[in-house]
N, C-alpha and C. Protein backbone atom coordinates (compact mmCIF):
# COMPACT_ATOMS: atom_id res chain seq x y z
N MET A 1 0.60 -1.22 -0.22
CA MET A 1 0.07 0.10 -0.32
C MET A 1 1.05 1.35 -0.25
N ARG A 2 0.87 2.09 -1.06
CA ARG A 2 1.59 3.53 -1.17
C ARG A 2 0.87 4.15 -0.03
N ARG A 3 2.25 4.78 0.47
CA ARG A 3 2.58 6.07 1.64
C ARG A 3 1.94 7.14 1.38
N LEU A 4 0.79 7.62 2.37
CA LEU A 4 0.15 9.33 1.96
C LEU A 4 1.57 9.73 1.60
N LEU A 5 1.34 10.72 0.57
CA LEU A 5 2.46 11.65 0.48
C LEU A 5 1.75 13.01 0.87
N PRO A 6 3.33 13.39 2.01
CA PRO A 6 2.34 14.88 2.29
C PRO A 6 2.09 15.70 1.15
N ALA A 7 0.83 16.00 1.22
CA ALA A 7 0.59 16.82 0.34
C ALA A 7 0.40 19.01 0.26
N LEU A 8 1.42 19.18 0.01
CA LEU A 8 1.51 20.81 0.14
C LEU A 8 1.31 20.46 -1.46
N PHE A 9 -0.02 22.43 -0.85
CA PHE A 9 -0.31 22.97 -2.16
C PHE A 9 -0.04 24.47 -1.79
N ALA A 10 -0.09 25.81 -2.73
CA ALA A 10 0.00 26.71 -2.64
C ALA A 10 -0.78 27.95 -3.60
N ALA A 11 -1.40 28.60 -3.56
CA ALA A 11 -2.44 29.23 -3.70
C ALA A 11 -1.90 30.64 -4.50
N LEU A 12 -2.11 31.29 -5.07
CA LEU A 12 -2.01 33.06 -5.44
C LEU A 12 -3.51 33.34 -5.77
N VAL A 13 -3.44 34.38 -5.38
CA VAL A 13 -4.87 34.61 -5.89
C VAL A 13 -4.56 36.41 -6.33
N LEU A 14 -4.90 36.16 -7.63
CA LEU A 14 -4.46 37.34 -8.31
C LEU A 14 -6.50 38.13 -9.45
N PRO A 15 -6.79 39.26 -9.02
CA PRO A 15 -8.32 39.52 -9.45
C PRO A 15 -7.77 39.89 -10.90
N CYS A 16 -9.07 39.31 -11.52
CA CYS A 16 -9.10 38.93 -12.93
C CYS A 16 -10.09 39.85 -13.69
N THR A 17 -10.33 40.02 -14.54
CA THR A 17 -11.26 41.72 -15.30
C THR A 17 -12.25 40.39 -15.40
N ALA A 18 -12.32 38.85 -16.14
CA ALA A 18 -13.66 38.02 -16.54
C ALA A 18 -14.49 38.33 -15.05
N ALA A 19 -15.38 37.88 -14.72
CA ALA A 19 -15.93 36.94 -13.74
C ALA A 19 -15.97 34.94 -13.67
N GLY A 20 -15.74 35.11 -12.43
CA GLY A 20 -15.28 33.58 -12.42
C GLY A 20 -14.43 33.13 -11.89
N LEU A 21 -13.52 32.51 -12.20
CA LEU A 21 -12.70 31.87 -11.29
C LEU A 21 -11.55 30.78 -12.43
N THR A 22 -10.66 31.04 -12.56
CA THR A 22 -9.24 30.12 -13.34
C THR A 22 -8.86 29.58 -12.25
N VAL A 23 -8.39 28.46 -12.28
CA VAL A 23 -7.51 27.51 -11.95
C VAL A 23 -6.73 27.18 -12.63
N SER A 24 -5.24 26.92 -12.41
CA SER A 24 -4.59 26.86 -13.26
C SER A 24 -3.45 25.60 -11.95
N VAL A 25 -3.28 24.15 -12.59
CA VAL A 25 -2.88 22.92 -11.03
C VAL A 25 -2.37 22.19 -12.15
N THR A 26 -0.28 22.49 -11.27
CA THR A 26 0.70 21.56 -11.19
C THR A 26 0.99 21.35 -10.69
N GLY A 27 1.55 19.76 -11.19
CA GLY A 27 2.29 18.41 -10.45
C GLY A 27 3.30 18.61 -9.98
N ALA A 28 3.75 17.50 -10.00
CA ALA A 28 5.70 17.76 -9.88
C ALA A 28 6.51 17.92 -10.80
N GLY A 29 7.27 18.65 -10.63
CA GLY A 29 8.35 19.82 -11.23
C GLY A 29 7.57 21.03 -12.17
N GLY A 30 6.43 21.58 -11.74
CA GLY A 30 5.83 21.99 -11.83
C GLY A 30 4.72 21.48 -13.13
N ALA A 31 4.93 20.42 -13.90
CA ALA A 31 3.98 19.99 -14.60
C ALA A 31 2.59 20.09 -14.48
N ALA A 32 2.12 20.60 -16.25
CA ALA A 32 0.21 20.89 -15.85
C ALA A 32 0.03 19.77 -15.57
N LEU A 33 -1.25 19.55 -14.34
CA LEU A 33 -2.08 18.41 -14.52
C LEU A 33 -3.58 18.42 -15.28
N THR A 34 -3.28 17.63 -16.69
CA THR A 34 -4.62 17.38 -17.10
C THR A 34 -5.44 16.61 -16.66
N GLY A 35 -7.19 16.91 -16.19
CA GLY A 35 -7.62 15.94 -15.77
C GLY A 35 -8.46 16.66 -14.18
N ALA A 36 -6.76 17.01 -13.59
CA ALA A 36 -6.81 17.67 -12.54
C ALA A 36 -9.03 18.19 -12.46
N VAL A 37 -9.23 18.11 -10.86
CA VAL A 37 -11.01 18.02 -10.16
C VAL A 37 -10.75 19.63 -9.67
N VAL A 38 -11.67 20.64 -9.87
CA VAL A 38 -11.30 21.59 -8.95
C VAL A 38 -13.26 22.13 -8.88
N PHE A 39 -13.54 22.05 -7.52
CA PHE A 39 -14.41 22.48 -7.66
C PHE A 39 -14.51 23.41 -5.89
N LEU A 40 -15.44 24.31 -6.08
CA LEU A 40 -16.05 25.24 -5.02
C LEU A 40 -17.37 25.11 -3.71
N GLU A 41 -16.97 24.44 -2.63
CA GLU A 41 -17.70 24.40 -2.02
C GLU A 41 -18.54 25.16 -0.24
N SER A 42 -19.31 25.45 -0.34
CA SER A 42 -20.03 26.50 0.53
C SER A 42 -21.59 26.41 0.87
N PRO A 43 -21.71 26.36 1.90
CA PRO A 43 -23.52 26.42 2.26
C PRO A 43 -24.46 26.74 0.86
N ALA A 44 -24.30 27.58 0.77
CA ALA A 44 -24.96 28.47 -0.88
C ALA A 44 -24.73 27.46 -1.79
N ALA A 45 -23.41 26.50 -2.31
CA ALA A 45 -23.00 25.99 -2.92
C ALA A 45 -23.83 24.99 -2.75
N ALA A 46 -24.31 24.17 -1.71
CA ALA A 46 -25.23 22.76 -1.37
C ALA A 46 -26.25 22.74 -1.68
N GLN A 47 -26.68 24.29 -1.60
CA GLN A 47 -28.58 24.65 -1.25
C GLN A 47 -28.74 24.65 -2.95
N ALA A 48 -27.70 25.36 -3.79
CA ALA A 48 -28.33 25.59 -5.03
C ALA A 48 -27.88 24.42 -5.89
N VAL A 49 -27.49 22.94 -5.95
CA VAL A 49 -26.60 22.12 -6.25
C VAL A 49 -28.41 21.50 -6.90
N ARG A 50 -28.26 20.45 -8.19
CA ARG A 50 -28.92 19.68 -8.59
C ARG A 50 -28.63 18.62 -9.50
N PRO A 51 -29.35 17.87 -9.59
CA PRO A 51 -29.04 16.21 -9.82
C PRO A 51 -28.62 16.85 -12.03
N LEU A 52 -27.36 16.19 -12.50
CA LEU A 52 -27.35 16.56 -13.85
C LEU A 52 -28.11 15.26 -14.66
N SER A 53 -28.57 16.01 -15.67
CA SER A 53 -29.30 14.67 -16.93
C SER A 53 -28.39 13.35 -16.88
N GLU A 54 -29.07 13.07 -16.87
CA GLU A 54 -28.34 11.04 -16.86
C GLU A 54 -27.02 11.11 -16.99
N GLN A 55 -26.29 10.59 -17.05
CA GLN A 55 -24.64 10.02 -17.60
C GLN A 55 -24.75 9.19 -17.85
N GLU A 56 -23.29 8.37 -18.31
CA GLU A 56 -23.63 7.43 -18.51
C GLU A 56 -21.12 6.81 -18.78
N ILE A 57 -21.29 6.31 -18.28
CA ILE A 57 -19.99 4.95 -18.47
C ILE A 57 -20.18 4.17 -19.16
N GLY A 58 -19.76 4.03 -20.21
CA GLY A 58 -19.89 3.26 -20.83
C GLY A 58 -18.54 1.33 -20.51
N GLN A 59 -18.89 0.40 -21.50
CA GLN A 59 -17.22 0.16 -21.53
C GLN A 59 -17.71 -0.65 -22.95
N GLN A 60 -16.17 -0.15 -23.54
CA GLN A 60 -16.09 -0.68 -25.14
C GLN A 60 -14.67 -0.80 -24.91
N ASN A 61 -14.18 -2.21 -25.77
CA ASN A 61 -13.23 -2.49 -25.58
C ASN A 61 -12.10 -2.92 -24.73
N LYS A 62 -13.25 -3.17 -23.68
CA LYS A 62 -12.64 -3.85 -22.14
C LYS A 62 -11.98 -2.13 -21.46
N THR A 63 -12.38 -1.24 -21.25
CA THR A 63 -12.52 -0.15 -21.39
C THR A 63 -13.69 1.11 -20.74
N PHE A 64 -13.20 1.26 -19.43
CA PHE A 64 -14.79 2.54 -19.16
C PHE A 64 -13.93 3.91 -20.09
N MET A 65 -15.96 4.11 -20.60
CA MET A 65 -15.27 5.51 -21.30
C MET A 65 -16.71 6.35 -21.48
N PRO A 66 -16.24 7.23 -20.64
CA PRO A 66 -14.79 7.67 -20.22
C PRO A 66 -14.69 7.15 -18.91
N ASP A 67 -13.37 7.20 -18.66
CA ASP A 67 -12.46 6.56 -17.20
C ASP A 67 -12.52 7.52 -16.13
N GLN A 68 -13.69 8.66 -16.34
CA GLN A 68 -13.37 9.81 -15.20
C GLN A 68 -14.54 10.39 -15.96
N LEU A 69 -15.42 10.56 -14.80
CA LEU A 69 -16.57 11.74 -14.87
C LEU A 69 -17.17 12.26 -13.38
N VAL A 70 -17.28 13.65 -13.65
CA VAL A 70 -17.35 14.77 -12.65
C VAL A 70 -19.11 14.63 -12.55
N ILE A 71 -19.67 14.46 -11.85
CA ILE A 71 -20.89 15.15 -11.43
C ILE A 71 -20.97 15.45 -10.21
N THR A 72 -22.84 16.05 -10.36
CA THR A 72 -23.24 16.31 -9.37
C THR A 72 -24.18 15.39 -8.05
N ARG A 73 -23.89 15.51 -6.99
CA ARG A 73 -24.92 15.00 -5.99
C ARG A 73 -26.20 14.66 -6.57
N GLY A 74 -26.05 13.32 -6.27
CA GLY A 74 -28.00 13.04 -6.66
C GLY A 74 -28.02 12.67 -8.08
N THR A 75 -27.03 12.73 -9.22
CA THR A 75 -27.03 12.26 -10.78
C THR A 75 -27.60 10.84 -10.33
N ALA A 76 -27.62 10.74 -11.82
CA ALA A 76 -27.78 8.97 -12.32
C ALA A 76 -26.94 8.75 -13.12
N VAL A 77 -25.75 7.67 -13.24
CA VAL A 77 -25.16 7.09 -13.93
C VAL A 77 -25.60 5.91 -14.57
N SER A 78 -25.37 5.42 -15.98
CA SER A 78 -25.88 4.64 -16.28
C SER A 78 -24.65 3.67 -17.38
N PHE A 79 -24.24 2.21 -16.83
CA PHE A 79 -23.06 1.49 -17.54
C PHE A 79 -23.54 0.63 -18.62
N PRO A 80 -24.04 1.03 -19.68
CA PRO A 80 -23.68 0.36 -20.82
C PRO A 80 -22.91 -0.58 -21.18
N ASN A 81 -22.95 -1.80 -21.17
CA ASN A 81 -21.52 -2.83 -22.00
C ASN A 81 -22.05 -2.90 -23.70
N ARG A 82 -21.10 -1.57 -24.49
CA ARG A 82 -20.94 -2.44 -25.46
C ARG A 82 -19.77 -3.25 -26.35
N ASP A 83 -19.29 -4.36 -25.38
CA ASP A 83 -18.58 -5.21 -25.27
C ASP A 83 -19.65 -6.85 -26.18
N THR A 84 -19.09 -7.52 -26.30
CA THR A 84 -19.19 -8.56 -26.95
C THR A 84 -19.15 -9.67 -25.72
N THR A 85 -18.11 -8.78 -24.84
CA THR A 85 -18.40 -9.74 -23.02
C THR A 85 -18.82 -9.82 -22.02
N ARG A 86 -19.58 -10.31 -21.46
CA ARG A 86 -19.86 -9.47 -20.11
C ARG A 86 -18.39 -9.18 -19.30
N HIS A 87 -18.94 -7.95 -18.43
CA HIS A 87 -18.68 -7.13 -17.60
C HIS A 87 -19.37 -7.25 -16.26
N HIS A 88 -18.52 -7.18 -14.91
CA HIS A 88 -19.19 -7.40 -13.54
C HIS A 88 -18.71 -5.89 -13.27
N VAL A 89 -19.67 -4.80 -12.89
CA VAL A 89 -19.20 -3.46 -12.45
C VAL A 89 -19.15 -3.58 -10.77
N TYR A 90 -18.29 -2.31 -9.81
CA TYR A 90 -18.50 -2.49 -9.03
C TYR A 90 -17.66 -1.19 -8.62
N SER A 91 -18.36 -1.02 -7.19
CA SER A 91 -17.40 -0.07 -6.49
C SER A 91 -17.74 -0.37 -5.31
N PHE A 92 -16.24 -0.54 -4.64
CA PHE A 92 -16.62 -0.06 -3.05
C PHE A 92 -16.22 1.22 -2.20
N SER A 93 -16.36 1.41 -2.99
CA SER A 93 -15.99 3.14 -2.39
C SER A 93 -16.94 3.79 -1.08
N PRO A 94 -16.24 4.10 -0.16
CA PRO A 94 -17.47 4.60 0.63
C PRO A 94 -18.86 5.57 0.07
N THR A 95 -18.19 6.45 -0.77
CA THR A 95 -19.12 7.25 -1.42
C THR A 95 -20.04 6.38 -1.64
N LYS A 96 -19.96 5.38 -2.73
CA LYS A 96 -20.83 4.79 -3.20
C LYS A 96 -20.58 3.21 -3.67
N VAL A 97 -21.18 2.14 -2.68
CA VAL A 97 -21.30 0.74 -2.74
C VAL A 97 -21.93 -0.08 -3.96
N PHE A 98 -21.99 -0.30 -4.65
CA PHE A 98 -22.73 -1.12 -6.02
C PHE A 98 -21.78 -2.08 -6.52
N GLU A 99 -23.00 -3.09 -7.17
CA GLU A 99 -22.41 -4.00 -7.90
C GLU A 99 -23.56 -4.36 -8.88
N ILE A 100 -23.08 -4.38 -10.45
CA ILE A 100 -23.60 -4.61 -11.72
C ILE A 100 -22.97 -5.78 -11.98
N LYS A 101 -23.57 -6.83 -11.54
CA LYS A 101 -23.07 -8.53 -11.88
C LYS A 101 -23.29 -8.75 -13.79
N LEU A 102 -22.40 -9.50 -13.73
CA LEU A 102 -22.41 -9.93 -15.14
C LEU A 102 -23.66 -9.96 -16.14
N TYR A 103 -23.27 -9.01 -16.94
CA TYR A 103 -24.23 -8.57 -18.19
C TYR A 103 -23.41 -7.88 -19.69
N ILE A 104 -24.47 -7.65 -20.45
CA ILE A 104 -24.09 -7.50 -21.74
C ILE A 104 -25.39 -6.39 -21.64
N GLY A 105 -25.02 -5.49 -22.50
CA GLY A 105 -26.38 -4.79 -23.13
C GLY A 105 -26.43 -3.31 -22.05
N THR A 106 -27.26 -2.84 -21.93
CA THR A 106 -27.48 -1.31 -20.72
C THR A 106 -28.29 -2.22 -19.53
N PRO A 107 -28.17 -1.73 -17.85
CA PRO A 107 -29.37 -2.39 -16.98
C PRO A 107 -30.38 -0.96 -16.64
N ALA A 108 -31.48 -1.64 -16.89
CA ALA A 108 -32.12 -1.58 -16.69
C ALA A 108 -32.74 0.17 -15.87
N ALA A 109 -32.19 -0.55 -14.38
CA ALA A 109 -31.97 0.93 -13.41
C ALA A 109 -30.81 1.44 -14.05
N PRO A 110 -30.32 2.92 -13.39
CA PRO A 110 -29.02 3.38 -13.62
C PRO A 110 -28.43 3.76 -11.81
N VAL A 111 -27.49 4.20 -11.64
CA VAL A 111 -26.86 4.08 -10.74
C VAL A 111 -27.31 5.32 -10.26
N VAL A 112 -28.01 5.77 -8.93
CA VAL A 112 -27.46 7.44 -8.22
C VAL A 112 -26.63 7.44 -7.85
N PHE A 113 -25.94 8.10 -7.31
CA PHE A 113 -24.53 8.68 -6.58
C PHE A 113 -25.51 10.51 -6.07
N ASP A 114 -25.44 9.58 -4.71
CA ASP A 114 -26.38 10.71 -3.80
C ASP A 114 -25.82 11.37 -2.46
N THR A 115 -24.26 10.69 -2.88
CA THR A 115 -23.15 11.45 -1.92
C THR A 115 -21.91 12.19 -2.16
N ALA A 116 -21.76 13.22 -1.96
CA ALA A 116 -20.40 13.53 -2.61
C ALA A 116 -19.47 12.18 -1.80
N GLY A 117 -18.19 12.58 -2.78
CA GLY A 117 -16.68 12.06 -2.85
C GLY A 117 -16.23 11.49 -4.33
N ILE A 118 -14.95 10.63 -4.04
CA ILE A 118 -14.69 9.87 -5.19
C ILE A 118 -15.15 8.48 -4.87
N GLY A 119 -15.51 7.99 -5.98
CA GLY A 119 -15.93 6.84 -6.41
C GLY A 119 -14.70 6.17 -7.12
N VAL A 120 -14.54 4.62 -7.00
CA VAL A 120 -13.52 4.25 -7.73
C VAL A 120 -14.39 3.15 -8.28
N LEU A 121 -14.08 3.01 -9.73
CA LEU A 121 -14.86 1.44 -10.17
C LEU A 121 -13.77 1.01 -10.89
N GLY A 122 -14.28 -0.68 -10.84
CA GLY A 122 -13.86 -1.50 -11.57
C GLY A 122 -14.59 -2.76 -12.15
N CYS A 123 -13.83 -3.48 -12.57
CA CYS A 123 -14.32 -4.90 -13.38
C CYS A 123 -14.16 -5.71 -12.78
N ASN A 124 -14.86 -7.19 -12.36
CA ASN A 124 -14.55 -8.17 -11.56
C ASN A 124 -14.14 -9.11 -12.25
N ILE A 125 -14.46 -9.10 -13.75
CA ILE A 125 -13.66 -9.67 -14.78
C ILE A 125 -12.60 -9.10 -15.33
N HIS A 126 -12.20 -7.80 -15.30
CA HIS A 126 -11.23 -7.42 -16.19
C HIS A 126 -10.17 -6.84 -15.11
N ASP A 127 -9.47 -7.01 -14.32
CA ASP A 127 -8.62 -6.14 -13.49
C ASP A 127 -8.47 -4.87 -13.86
N HIS A 128 -7.41 -4.63 -15.13
CA HIS A 128 -7.05 -3.70 -15.81
C HIS A 128 -8.05 -2.14 -16.02
N MET A 129 -9.63 -2.88 -16.09
CA MET A 129 -10.10 -2.06 -16.13
C MET A 129 -10.42 -0.71 -14.64
N VAL A 130 -9.94 0.75 -15.38
CA VAL A 130 -10.78 0.99 -13.67
C VAL A 130 -11.47 2.32 -14.53
N ALA A 131 -11.93 2.88 -13.45
CA ALA A 131 -12.42 4.21 -13.94
C ALA A 131 -12.79 5.08 -12.26
N TRP A 132 -12.75 6.62 -12.23
CA TRP A 132 -13.41 7.13 -11.23
C TRP A 132 -14.30 8.19 -11.40
N VAL A 133 -15.25 8.13 -10.61
CA VAL A 133 -16.42 8.72 -10.34
C VAL A 133 -16.38 10.21 -9.67
N VAL A 134 -16.22 11.50 -9.89
CA VAL A 134 -15.99 12.45 -8.30
C VAL A 134 -17.99 13.23 -8.64
N ILE A 135 -18.16 12.80 -6.95
CA ILE A 135 -19.46 13.77 -6.75
C ILE A 135 -19.26 14.55 -6.28
N VAL A 136 -19.67 15.87 -6.86
CA VAL A 136 -19.94 17.10 -6.25
C VAL A 136 -20.73 17.39 -5.29
N ASP A 137 -20.47 18.26 -4.40
CA ASP A 137 -22.10 18.74 -3.70
C ASP A 137 -21.69 20.26 -3.95
N THR A 138 -21.74 20.72 -5.54
CA THR A 138 -21.85 22.09 -5.56
C THR A 138 -21.85 22.18 -6.92
N PRO A 139 -22.20 23.08 -7.93
CA PRO A 139 -23.22 23.54 -9.32
C PRO A 139 -21.80 23.76 -9.91
N TRP A 140 -20.46 24.73 -9.08
CA TRP A 140 -19.58 25.17 -9.14
C TRP A 140 -18.40 24.18 -9.86
N PHE A 141 -17.61 23.87 -10.55
CA PHE A 141 -16.99 22.36 -10.93
C PHE A 141 -16.21 22.52 -12.36
N ALA A 142 -14.92 21.71 -12.15
CA ALA A 142 -14.45 21.98 -13.88
C ALA A 142 -13.23 21.02 -13.90
N THR A 143 -12.84 20.37 -14.74
CA THR A 143 -11.98 19.96 -14.91
C THR A 143 -10.64 20.79 -15.67
N ALA A 144 -9.68 20.26 -15.23
CA ALA A 144 -8.47 20.80 -16.08
C ALA A 144 -7.91 20.66 -17.55
N ASP A 145 -8.00 21.38 -18.27
CA ASP A 145 -7.64 20.73 -19.78
C ASP A 145 -5.82 20.49 -19.79
N ALA A 146 -6.14 20.22 -20.74
CA ALA A 146 -4.44 20.04 -21.39
C ALA A 146 -3.25 21.23 -20.57
N ASP A 147 -3.87 22.35 -20.66
CA ASP A 147 -2.61 23.04 -19.99
C ASP A 147 -2.76 23.02 -18.52
N GLY A 148 -3.93 22.84 -17.30
CA GLY A 148 -4.17 22.23 -16.00
C GLY A 148 -4.44 23.03 -15.68
N ARG A 149 -5.28 24.10 -16.99
CA ARG A 149 -6.41 25.31 -16.22
C ARG A 149 -7.65 24.89 -16.43
N ALA A 150 -8.82 25.12 -15.49
CA ALA A 150 -9.53 24.82 -15.55
C ALA A 150 -10.46 26.09 -15.07
N VAL A 151 -11.64 26.34 -15.77
CA VAL A 151 -12.55 27.29 -15.76
C VAL A 151 -13.69 27.27 -15.41
N LEU A 152 -14.14 28.06 -13.72
CA LEU A 152 -15.81 28.18 -13.56
C LEU A 152 -16.24 29.29 -13.60
N ALA A 153 -16.90 29.40 -14.57
CA ALA A 153 -17.35 31.06 -15.15
C ALA A 153 -18.99 31.07 -14.25
N ASN A 154 -19.40 32.26 -14.06
CA ASN A 154 -20.60 32.31 -13.67
C ASN A 154 -20.88 32.43 -12.16
N VAL A 155 -19.60 32.54 -11.37
CA VAL A 155 -20.03 31.52 -9.51
C VAL A 155 -20.03 33.26 -9.10
N PRO A 156 -21.27 33.23 -8.48
CA PRO A 156 -21.24 34.10 -7.12
C PRO A 156 -20.01 34.47 -6.06
N PRO A 157 -20.16 35.95 -6.51
CA PRO A 157 -19.05 36.38 -5.36
C PRO A 157 -19.16 35.49 -3.89
N GLY A 158 -18.26 35.41 -2.87
CA GLY A 158 -18.51 34.96 -1.53
C GLY A 158 -17.06 34.29 -0.99
N ASP A 159 -17.55 33.75 -0.53
CA ASP A 159 -16.15 32.79 0.83
C ASP A 159 -17.04 31.32 0.62
N TYR A 160 -15.63 30.60 -0.05
CA TYR A 160 -15.80 29.66 -0.71
C TYR A 160 -14.99 28.47 -0.03
N ARG A 161 -14.54 27.09 0.11
CA ARG A 161 -13.40 25.90 0.22
C ARG A 161 -13.43 25.81 -0.87
N LEU A 162 -12.09 26.07 -1.95
CA LEU A 162 -11.77 25.59 -3.23
C LEU A 162 -10.84 24.06 -2.77
N ARG A 163 -11.37 22.75 -3.85
CA ARG A 163 -11.54 21.88 -2.88
C ARG A 163 -10.40 21.15 -4.69
N THR A 164 -9.56 20.68 -4.75
CA THR A 164 -8.75 20.06 -5.40
C THR A 164 -8.57 18.54 -5.23
N TRP A 165 -8.28 17.54 -6.75
CA TRP A 165 -8.19 16.40 -6.72
C TRP A 165 -7.88 15.79 -7.99
N HIS A 166 -6.54 14.83 -7.78
CA HIS A 166 -6.43 14.60 -9.06
C HIS A 166 -6.25 13.27 -9.29
N ARG A 167 -6.26 12.37 -9.83
CA ARG A 167 -6.12 10.63 -9.68
C ARG A 167 -4.99 10.01 -9.17
N GLY A 168 -3.82 11.15 -9.69
CA GLY A 168 -2.56 10.49 -9.14
C GLY A 168 -2.13 10.94 -7.66
N LEU A 169 -3.20 11.23 -6.95
CA LEU A 169 -3.06 11.43 -5.86
C LEU A 169 -3.12 9.93 -4.74
N PRO A 170 -2.34 9.77 -3.93
CA PRO A 170 -2.48 8.19 -3.28
C PRO A 170 -4.04 7.85 -3.25
N PRO A 171 -4.39 6.58 -3.30
CA PRO A 171 -5.81 6.26 -3.19
C PRO A 171 -6.43 6.48 -1.83
N GLY A 172 -7.24 6.74 -1.48
CA GLY A 172 -8.51 7.07 -0.65
C GLY A 172 -7.90 8.22 -0.19
N SER A 173 -6.85 9.17 -0.88
CA SER A 173 -6.66 10.57 -0.68
C SER A 173 -7.93 11.79 -0.47
N LEU A 174 -8.35 12.34 0.26
CA LEU A 174 -9.25 13.65 0.00
C LEU A 174 -9.04 14.46 -1.33
N PRO A 175 -9.51 15.35 -1.73
CA PRO A 175 -9.36 16.50 -2.55
C PRO A 175 -8.64 17.28 -1.11
N LEU A 176 -7.62 18.08 -2.20
CA LEU A 176 -7.19 18.99 -1.28
C LEU A 176 -7.80 20.20 -1.17
N GLU A 177 -7.90 21.30 0.23
CA GLU A 177 -8.78 21.92 -0.10
C GLU A 177 -8.00 23.17 0.79
N GLN A 178 -8.69 24.82 0.58
CA GLN A 178 -8.08 26.20 0.98
C GLN A 178 -9.07 26.74 1.51
N ALA A 179 -9.10 27.79 2.17
CA ALA A 179 -10.36 28.79 1.93
C ALA A 179 -10.04 30.30 0.81
N LEU A 180 -11.05 29.94 -0.20
CA LEU A 180 -11.22 31.03 -0.88
C LEU A 180 -12.35 32.56 -0.69
N LYS A 181 -11.50 33.62 -0.92
CA LYS A 181 -12.81 34.69 -0.68
C LYS A 181 -13.00 34.97 -2.38
N LEU A 182 -13.82 34.78 -2.96
CA LEU A 182 -14.22 35.06 -4.30
C LEU A 182 -14.81 36.36 -4.32
N PRO A 183 -13.86 37.73 -5.07
CA PRO A 183 -14.62 38.73 -5.51
C PRO A 183 -15.41 38.75 -6.58
N ALA A 184 -16.03 39.71 -6.41
CA ALA A 184 -17.33 39.52 -8.00
C ALA A 184 -16.35 39.85 -9.15
N ALA A 185 -14.73 41.11 -9.43
CA ALA A 185 -14.57 40.41 -10.70
C ALA A 185 -13.86 39.68 -10.74
N GLY A 186 -13.99 38.31 -10.07
CA GLY A 186 -13.52 37.01 -10.39
C GLY A 186 -12.01 37.07 -9.77
N ALA A 187 -11.09 35.82 -10.05
CA ALA A 187 -10.38 35.24 -9.56
C ALA A 187 -9.19 34.54 -10.18
N LYS A 188 -7.64 34.43 -10.49
CA LYS A 188 -7.46 33.49 -10.78
C LYS A 188 -6.96 32.93 -9.12
N VAL A 189 -6.35 31.46 -9.53
CA VAL A 189 -5.58 30.82 -8.69
C VAL A 189 -4.71 29.40 -9.00
N ALA A 190 -3.05 29.48 -8.47
CA ALA A 190 -2.59 28.46 -9.26
C ALA A 190 -2.41 27.87 -7.31
N VAL A 191 -3.08 26.51 -7.75
CA VAL A 191 -2.79 25.63 -7.11
C VAL A 191 -1.40 24.12 -7.89
N SER A 192 -0.58 24.14 -6.66
CA SER A 192 0.17 23.02 -6.87
C SER A 192 -0.24 21.52 -5.96
N LEU A 193 0.06 20.58 -6.23
CA LEU A 193 0.31 19.24 -6.42
C LEU A 193 1.41 18.34 -5.88
N PRO A 194 3.04 19.49 -5.42
CA PRO A 194 3.83 18.78 -6.11
C PRO A 194 4.10 17.12 -6.40
N GLY A 195 3.12 16.03 -5.37
CA GLY A 195 3.71 14.97 -5.16
C GLY A 195 3.35 14.18 -6.20
N VAL A 196 2.52 14.94 -7.45
CA VAL A 196 1.44 14.13 -8.00
C VAL A 196 1.99 14.40 -9.74
N ARG A 197 2.75 13.51 -10.66
CA ARG A 197 2.92 13.28 -11.64
C ARG A 197 1.84 13.13 -12.62
N PRO A 198 1.53 13.96 -13.86
CA PRO A 198 0.75 13.89 -14.96
C PRO A 198 0.46 12.50 -15.18
């Protein structure tokens, strides 16, 4: 089992002209962390969150597609199997424990992810298959692009907890977090996860 690496991160908040929040996420050696998930939490955010329209994580060529999905609390996710071989999708993560036993096609009932957290999915038949579901309790979230840049648009000014997660964190790690006061003009934030490699 991997040791929990000490996670250090720094944030620099600078005013910007566009409304909203721009987050630049870097990892080991200052490399951009593509796929990092950033989100803003607050009591107001938790009250404003709504489930997304039904999402899906398919299985094709013995691979989860997509292998990372960010959704809001209460969102239903379907798991269509587009392979000709049967899969057995499961999660033992505390945020959502479920199993869809050996099947082909699309199960009749989607899985509702009703608790915020990080869910790790696997296939009981194909051990190499893995995917992540990030369930957030806020409508303000984004995934970093190839440059490690994530943009959260139209966020009301106020006091938040900025949380950042990347699949390269040690298994079971919580998203890193910091307090953030977002001005009406918006802000730019730099977040560093020095122990994480792209």
